[in-house]
Amino acid sequence: MRINMKFLWHSEDDFRDSLRQDGWVIAEKGDAEIDVAHPQVKTEDAARIRLHRLGLLISGAVRIEFCPFPQQK
């Protein structure tokens, strides 16, 4: 599961720190935009639970897009 995050105002450094401490791997995409993935998160539900614990799921400061990997046959 890959998650795209777009930060809407200047609190992104705090979010990045929280994500790293929780084990998320961050890939910078440009100004105020990152992709994140977590080695233990395989489903959108699991991602939502972790992000909710960090306060990101309900934050108005970040736009989150869940991008599941294509199913392999």
PDB file of N, CA and C in Angstrom:
ATOM      1  N   MET A   1       0.845  -1.171   0.000  1.00  0.00           N
ATOM      2  CA  MET A   1       0.000   0.000   0.000  1.00  0.00           C
ATOM      3  C   MET A   1       0.893   1.237   0.000  1.00  0.00           C
ATOM      4  N   ARG A   2       0.672   2.073  -0.986  1.00  0.00           N
ATOM      5  CA  ARG A   2       1.367   3.357  -1.063  1.00  0.00           C
ATOM      6  C   ARG A   2       0.345   4.452  -0.780  1.00  0.00           C
ATOM      7  N   ILE A   3       0.790   5.465  -0.080  1.00  0.00           N
ATOM      8  CA  ILE A   3      -0.101   6.572   0.272  1.00  0.00           C
ATOM      9  C   ILE A   3       0.549   7.868  -0.175  1.00  0.00           C
ATOM     10  N   ASN A   4      -0.212   8.680  -0.893  1.00  0.00           N
ATOM     11  CA  ASN A   4       0.256   9.988  -1.320  1.00  0.00           C
ATOM     12  C   ASN A   4      -0.315  11.028  -0.373  1.00  0.00           C
ATOM     13  N   MET A   5       0.554  11.931   0.107  1.00  0.00           N
ATOM     14  CA  MET A   5       0.124  12.997   1.013  1.00  0.00           C
ATOM     15  C   MET A   5       0.531  14.346   0.453  1.00  0.00           C
ATOM     16  N   LYS A   6      -0.428  15.266   0.465  1.00  0.00           N
ATOM     17  CA  LYS A   6      -0.165  16.645   0.061  1.00  0.00           C
ATOM     18  C   LYS A   6      -0.462  17.531   1.261  1.00  0.00           C
ATOM     19  N   PHE A   7       0.538  18.278   1.667  1.00  0.00           N
ATOM     20  CA  PHE A   7       0.384  19.145   2.834  1.00  0.00           C
ATOM     21  C   PHE A   7      -0.195  20.479   2.393  1.00  0.00           C
ATOM     22  N   LEU A   8      -1.208  20.935   3.093  1.00  0.00           N
ATOM     23  CA  LEU A   8      -1.917  22.142   2.691  1.00  0.00           C
ATOM     24  C   LEU A   8      -1.397  23.393   3.373  1.00  0.00           C
ATOM     25  N   TRP A   9      -0.673  23.246   4.458  1.00  0.00           N
ATOM     26  CA  TRP A   9       0.022  24.365   5.075  1.00  0.00           C
ATOM     27  C   TRP A   9       1.227  23.892   5.847  1.00  0.00           C
ATOM     28  N   HIS A  10       1.935  24.774   6.493  1.00  0.00           N
ATOM     29  CA  HIS A  10       3.310  24.569   6.969  1.00  0.00           C
ATOM     30  C   HIS A  10       3.445  23.766   8.260  1.00  0.00           C
ATOM     31  N   SER A  11       2.890  22.597   8.335  1.00  0.00           N
ATOM     32  CA  SER A  11       3.119  21.726   9.492  1.00  0.00           C
ATOM     33  C   SER A  11       3.731  20.408   9.034  1.00  0.00           C
ATOM     34  N   GLU A  12       4.207  20.389   7.807  1.00  0.00           N
ATOM     35  CA  GLU A  12       4.651  19.136   7.206  1.00  0.00           C
ATOM     36  C   GLU A  12       5.845  18.491   7.901  1.00  0.00           C
ATOM     37  N   ASP A  13       6.755  19.284   8.482  1.00  0.00           N
ATOM     38  CA  ASP A  13       7.903  18.696   9.173  1.00  0.00           C
ATOM     39  C   ASP A  13       7.470  17.875  10.381  1.00  0.00           C
ATOM     40  N   ASP A  14       6.482  18.367  11.131  1.00  0.00           N
ATOM     41  CA  ASP A  14       5.946  17.603  12.268  1.00  0.00           C
ATOM     42  C   ASP A  14       5.331  16.293  11.787  1.00  0.00           C
ATOM     43  N   PHE A  15       4.608  16.335  10.676  1.00  0.00           N
ATOM     44  CA  PHE A  15       4.010  15.124  10.130  1.00  0.00           C
ATOM     45  C   PHE A  15       5.075  14.133   9.695  1.00  0.00           C
ATOM     46  N   ARG A  16       6.111  14.613   9.029  1.00  0.00           N
ATOM     47  CA  ARG A  16       7.188  13.718   8.588  1.00  0.00           C
ATOM     48  C   ARG A  16       7.854  13.037   9.785  1.00  0.00           C
ATOM     49  N   ASP A  17       8.123  13.801  10.838  1.00  0.00           N
ATOM     50  CA  ASP A  17       8.731  13.225  12.041  1.00  0.00           C
ATOM     51  C   ASP A  17       7.845  12.138  12.642  1.00  0.00           C
ATOM     52  N   SER A  18       6.553  12.407  12.747  1.00  0.00           N
ATOM     53  CA  SER A  18       5.620  11.414  13.298  1.00  0.00           C
ATOM     54  C   SER A  18       5.585  10.153  12.452  1.00  0.00           C
ATOM     55  N   LEU A  19       5.551  10.324  11.139  1.00  0.00           N
ATOM     56  CA  LEU A  19       5.525   9.171  10.237  1.00  0.00           C
ATOM     57  C   LEU A  19       6.791   8.328  10.381  1.00  0.00           C
ATOM     58  N   ARG A  20       7.944   8.974  10.401  1.00  0.00           N
ATOM     59  CA  ARG A  20       9.212   8.238  10.535  1.00  0.00           C
ATOM     60  C   ARG A  20       9.270   7.475  11.852  1.00  0.00           C
ATOM     61  N   GLN A  21       8.845   8.109  12.932  1.00  0.00           N
ATOM     62  CA  GLN A  21       8.871   7.439  14.241  1.00  0.00           C
ATOM     63  C   GLN A  21       7.961   6.223  14.271  1.00  0.00           C
ATOM     64  N   ASP A  22       6.900   6.236  13.464  1.00  0.00           N
ATOM     65  CA  ASP A  22       5.971   5.112  13.415  1.00  0.00           C
ATOM     66  C   ASP A  22       6.416   4.040  12.418  1.00  0.00           C
ATOM     67  N   GLY A  23       7.529   4.258  11.729  1.00  0.00           N
ATOM     68  CA  GLY A  23       8.066   3.240  10.832  1.00  0.00           C
ATOM     69  C   GLY A  23       7.731   3.422   9.362  1.00  0.00           C
ATOM     70  N   TRP A  24       7.115   4.530   8.993  1.00  0.00           N
ATOM     71  CA  TRP A  24       6.796   4.784   7.591  1.00  0.00           C
ATOM     72  C   TRP A  24       8.057   5.176   6.830  1.00  0.00           C
ATOM     73  N   VAL A  25       8.150   4.731   5.586  1.00  0.00           N
ATOM     74  CA  VAL A  25       9.239   5.103   4.691  1.00  0.00           C
ATOM     75  C   VAL A  25       8.713   6.224   3.809  1.00  0.00           C
ATOM     76  N   ILE A  26       9.459   7.325   3.761  1.00  0.00           N
ATOM     77  CA  ILE A  26       8.996   8.522   3.061  1.00  0.00           C
ATOM     78  C   ILE A  26       9.799   8.729   1.779  1.00  0.00           C
ATOM     79  N   ALA A  27       9.083   8.977   0.689  1.00  0.00           N
ATOM     80  CA  ALA A  27       9.698   9.337  -0.588  1.00  0.00           C
ATOM     81  C   ALA A  27       9.201  10.734  -0.951  1.00  0.00           C
ATOM     82  N   GLU A  28      10.134  11.672  -1.038  1.00  0.00           N
ATOM     83  CA  GLU A  28       9.783  13.055  -1.375  1.00  0.00           C
ATOM     84  C   GLU A  28       9.362  13.131  -2.839  1.00  0.00           C
ATOM     85  N   LYS A  29       8.280  13.857  -3.113  1.00  0.00           N
ATOM     86  CA  LYS A  29       7.803  14.023  -4.486  1.00  0.00           C
ATOM     87  C   LYS A  29       7.920  15.463  -4.961  1.00  0.00           C
ATOM     88  N   GLY A  30       8.162  16.372  -4.068  1.00  0.00           N
ATOM     89  CA  GLY A  30       8.240  17.784  -4.440  1.00  0.00           C
ATOM     90  C   GLY A  30       7.793  18.635  -3.279  1.00  0.00           C
ATOM     91  N   ASP A  31       7.539  19.890  -3.553  1.00  0.00           N
ATOM     92  CA  ASP A  31       7.099  20.801  -2.500  1.00  0.00           C
ATOM     93  C   ASP A  31       5.805  20.312  -1.860  1.00  0.00           C
ATOM     94  N   ALA A  32       5.878  20.056  -0.582  1.00  0.00           N
ATOM     95  CA  ALA A  32       4.715  19.712   0.234  1.00  0.00           C
ATOM     96  C   ALA A  32       3.983  18.462  -0.246  1.00  0.00           C
ATOM     97  N   GLU A  33       4.693  17.526  -0.887  1.00  0.00           N
ATOM     98  CA  GLU A  33       4.057  16.283  -1.319  1.00  0.00           C
ATOM     99  C   GLU A  33       5.019  15.118  -1.111  1.00  0.00           C
ATOM    100  N   ILE A  34       4.504  14.037  -0.515  1.00  0.00           N
ATOM    101  CA  ILE A  34       5.302  12.844  -0.274  1.00  0.00           C
ATOM    102  C   ILE A  34       4.486  11.595  -0.578  1.00  0.00           C
ATOM    103  N   ASP A  35       5.183  10.514  -0.839  1.00  0.00           N
ATOM    104  CA  ASP A  35       4.591   9.179  -0.854  1.00  0.00           C
ATOM    105  C   ASP A  35       5.139   8.458   0.367  1.00  0.00           C
ATOM    106  N   VAL A  36       4.303   7.694   1.045  1.00  0.00           N
ATOM    107  CA  VAL A  36       4.741   6.926   2.202  1.00  0.00           C
ATOM    108  C   VAL A  36       4.285   5.482   2.066  1.00  0.00           C
ATOM    109  N   ALA A  37       5.049   4.597   2.666  1.00  0.00           N
ATOM    110  CA  ALA A  37       4.711   3.174   2.718  1.00  0.00           C
ATOM    111  C   ALA A  37       5.235   2.641   4.041  1.00  0.00           C
ATOM    112  N   HIS A  38       4.585   1.611   4.534  1.00  0.00           N
ATOM    113  CA  HIS A  38       4.987   0.990   5.799  1.00  0.00           C
ATOM    114  C   HIS A  38       5.116  -0.509   5.548  1.00  0.00           C
ATOM    115  N   PRO A  39       6.220  -1.115   5.974  1.00  0.00           N
ATOM    116  CA  PRO A  39       6.430  -2.540   5.689  1.00  0.00           C
ATOM    117  C   PRO A  39       5.378  -3.466   6.286  1.00  0.00           C
ATOM    118  N   GLN A  40       4.675  -3.039   7.331  1.00  0.00           N
ATOM    119  CA  GLN A  40       3.664  -3.886   7.964  1.00  0.00           C
ATOM    120  C   GLN A  40       2.247  -3.562   7.517  1.00  0.00           C
ATOM    121  N   VAL A  41       2.086  -2.563   6.671  1.00  0.00           N
ATOM    122  CA  VAL A  41       0.752  -2.136   6.249  1.00  0.00           C
ATOM    123  C   VAL A  41       0.477  -2.663   4.845  1.00  0.00           C
ATOM    124  N   LYS A  42      -0.486  -3.564   4.743  1.00  0.00           N
ATOM    125  CA  LYS A  42      -0.813  -4.187   3.458  1.00  0.00           C
ATOM    126  C   LYS A  42      -2.183  -3.760   2.932  1.00  0.00           C
ATOM    127  N   THR A  43      -3.051  -3.224   3.800  1.00  0.00           N
ATOM    128  CA  THR A  43      -4.405  -2.868   3.385  1.00  0.00           C
ATOM    129  C   THR A  43      -4.706  -1.416   3.731  1.00  0.00           C
ATOM    130  N   GLU A  44      -5.714  -0.880   3.081  1.00  0.00           N
ATOM    131  CA  GLU A  44      -6.142   0.483   3.372  1.00  0.00           C
ATOM    132  C   GLU A  44      -6.650   0.600   4.806  1.00  0.00           C
ATOM    133  N   ASP A  45      -7.359  -0.406   5.285  1.00  0.00           N
ATOM    134  CA  ASP A  45      -7.860  -0.374   6.670  1.00  0.00           C
ATOM    135  C   ASP A  45      -6.711  -0.268   7.670  1.00  0.00           C
ATOM    136  N   ALA A  46      -5.669  -1.062   7.467  1.00  0.00           N
ATOM    137  CA  ALA A  46      -4.506  -1.016   8.362  1.00  0.00           C
ATOM    138  C   ALA A  46      -3.828   0.351   8.288  1.00  0.00           C
ATOM    139  N   ALA A  47      -3.732   0.908   7.088  1.00  0.00           N
ATOM    140  CA  ALA A  47      -3.131   2.233   6.927  1.00  0.00           C
ATOM    141  C   ALA A  47      -3.960   3.289   7.639  1.00  0.00           C
ATOM    142  N   ARG A  48      -5.264   3.216   7.506  1.00  0.00           N
ATOM    143  CA  ARG A  48      -6.146   4.189   8.151  1.00  0.00           C
ATOM    144  C   ARG A  48      -6.010   4.140   9.676  1.00  0.00           C
ATOM    145  N   ILE A  49      -5.905   2.954  10.227  1.00  0.00           N
ATOM    146  CA  ILE A  49      -5.759   2.814  11.680  1.00  0.00           C
ATOM    147  C   ILE A  49      -4.464   3.490  12.148  1.00  0.00           C
ATOM    148  N   ARG A  50      -3.364   3.211  11.465  1.00  0.00           N
ATOM    149  CA  ARG A  50      -2.076   3.804  11.866  1.00  0.00           C
ATOM    150  C   ARG A  50      -2.088   5.316  11.706  1.00  0.00           C
ATOM    151  N   LEU A  51      -2.625   5.802  10.587  1.00  0.00           N
ATOM    152  CA  LEU A  51      -2.663   7.246  10.353  1.00  0.00           C
ATOM    153  C   LEU A  51      -3.595   7.943  11.335  1.00  0.00           C
ATOM    154  N   HIS A  52      -4.680   7.281  11.709  1.00  0.00           N
ATOM    155  CA  HIS A  52      -5.588   7.854  12.702  1.00  0.00           C
ATOM    156  C   HIS A  52      -4.890   8.001  14.055  1.00  0.00           C
ATOM    157  N   ARG A  53      -4.113   6.998  14.451  1.00  0.00           N
ATOM    158  CA  ARG A  53      -3.366   7.075  15.713  1.00  0.00           C
ATOM    159  C   ARG A  53      -2.394   8.247  15.723  1.00  0.00           C
ATOM    160  N   LEU A  54      -1.874   8.605  14.546  1.00  0.00           N
ATOM    161  CA  LEU A  54      -0.939   9.731  14.443  1.00  0.00           C
ATOM    162  C   LEU A  54      -1.653  11.075  14.299  1.00  0.00           C
ATOM    163  N   GLY A  55      -2.973  11.048  14.181  1.00  0.00           N
ATOM    164  CA  GLY A  55      -3.730  12.278  14.030  1.00  0.00           C
ATOM    165  C   GLY A  55      -3.753  12.812  12.607  1.00  0.00           C
ATOM    166  N   LEU A  56      -3.252  12.035  11.662  1.00  0.00           N
ATOM    167  CA  LEU A  56      -3.184  12.504  10.283  1.00  0.00           C
ATOM    168  C   LEU A  56      -4.469  12.266   9.508  1.00  0.00           C
ATOM    169  N   LEU A  57      -5.188  11.226   9.841  1.00  0.00           N
ATOM    170  CA  LEU A  57      -6.372  10.871   9.071  1.00  0.00           C
ATOM    171  C   LEU A  57      -7.454  11.941   9.177  1.00  0.00           C
ATOM    172  N   ILE A  58      -7.524  12.608  10.316  1.00  0.00           N
ATOM    173  CA  ILE A  58      -8.567  13.598  10.521  1.00  0.00           C
ATOM    174  C   ILE A  58      -8.055  15.041  10.419  1.00  0.00           C
ATOM    175  N   SER A  59      -6.785  15.192  10.073  1.00  0.00           N
ATOM    176  CA  SER A  59      -6.203  16.518   9.997  1.00  0.00           C
ATOM    177  C   SER A  59      -6.652  17.246   8.728  1.00  0.00           C
ATOM    178  N   GLY A  60      -7.003  18.505   8.888  1.00  0.00           N
ATOM    179  CA  GLY A  60      -7.341  19.334   7.740  1.00  0.00           C
ATOM    180  C   GLY A  60      -6.111  19.881   7.042  1.00  0.00           C
ATOM    181  N   ALA A  61      -4.927  19.588   7.573  1.00  0.00           N
ATOM    182  CA  ALA A  61      -3.685  20.131   7.024  1.00  0.00           C
ATOM    183  C   ALA A  61      -3.055  19.224   5.973  1.00  0.00           C
ATOM    184  N   VAL A  62      -3.651  18.063   5.731  1.00  0.00           N
ATOM    185  CA  VAL A  62      -3.052  17.126   4.777  1.00  0.00           C
ATOM    186  C   VAL A  62      -4.156  16.440   3.970  1.00  0.00           C
ATOM    187  N   ARG A  63      -3.898  16.278   2.690  1.00  0.00           N
ATOM    188  CA  ARG A  63      -4.797  15.531   1.815  1.00  0.00           C
ATOM    189  C   ARG A  63      -4.161  14.173   1.583  1.00  0.00           C
ATOM    190  N   ILE A  64      -4.915  13.093   1.805  1.00  0.00           N
ATOM    191  CA  ILE A  64      -4.381  11.729   1.735  1.00  0.00           C
ATOM    192  C   ILE A  64      -5.082  10.960   0.617  1.00  0.00           C
ATOM    193  N   GLU A  65      -4.267  10.299  -0.214  1.00  0.00           N
ATOM    194  CA  GLU A  65      -4.792   9.432  -1.264  1.00  0.00           C
ATOM    195  C   GLU A  65      -4.197   8.036  -1.078  1.00  0.00           C
ATOM    196  N   PHE A  66      -5.057   7.044  -0.932  1.00  0.00           N
ATOM    197  CA  PHE A  66      -4.619   5.660  -0.764  1.00  0.00           C
ATOM    198  C   PHE A  66      -4.481   5.017  -2.140  1.00  0.00           C
ATOM    199  N   CYS A  67      -3.322   4.425  -2.408  1.00  0.00           N
ATOM    200  CA  CYS A  67      -3.013   3.854  -3.718  1.00  0.00           C
ATOM    201  C   CYS A  67      -2.586   2.402  -3.546  1.00  0.00           C
ATOM    202  N   PRO A  68      -3.533   1.473  -3.538  1.00  0.00           N
ATOM    203  CA  PRO A  68      -3.145   0.068  -3.371  1.00  0.00           C
ATOM    204  C   PRO A  68      -2.323  -0.423  -4.558  1.00  0.00           C
ATOM    205  N   PHE A  69      -1.382  -1.318  -4.276  1.00  0.00           N
ATOM    206  CA  PHE A  69      -0.589  -1.914  -5.342  1.00  0.00           C
ATOM    207  C   PHE A  69      -1.503  -2.843  -6.144  1.00  0.00           C
ATOM    208  N   PRO A  70      -1.268  -2.969  -7.440  1.00  0.00           N
ATOM    209  CA  PRO A  70      -2.089  -3.889  -8.250  1.00  0.00           C
ATOM    210  C   PRO A  70      -1.957  -5.331  -7.755  1.00  0.00           C
ATOM    211  N   GLN A  71      -3.044  -6.060  -7.834  1.00  0.00           N
ATOM    212  CA  GLN A  71      -3.038  -7.471  -7.439  1.00  0.00           C
ATOM    213  C   GLN A  71      -2.168  -8.267  -8.406  1.00  0.00           C
ATOM    214  N   GLN A  72      -1.326  -9.136  -7.850  1.00  0.00           N
ATOM    215  CA  GLN A  72      -0.508  -9.995  -8.688  1.00  0.00           C
ATOM    216  C   GLN A  72      -1.207 -11.326  -8.871  1.00  0.00           C
ATOM    217  N   LYS A  73      -1.098 -11.891 -10.069  1.00  0.00           N
ATOM    218  CA  LYS A  73      -1.771 -13.169 -10.370  1.00  0.00           C
ATOM    219  C   LYS A  73      -0.858 -14.325 -10.121  1.00  0.00           C
TER     220      LYS A  73
END
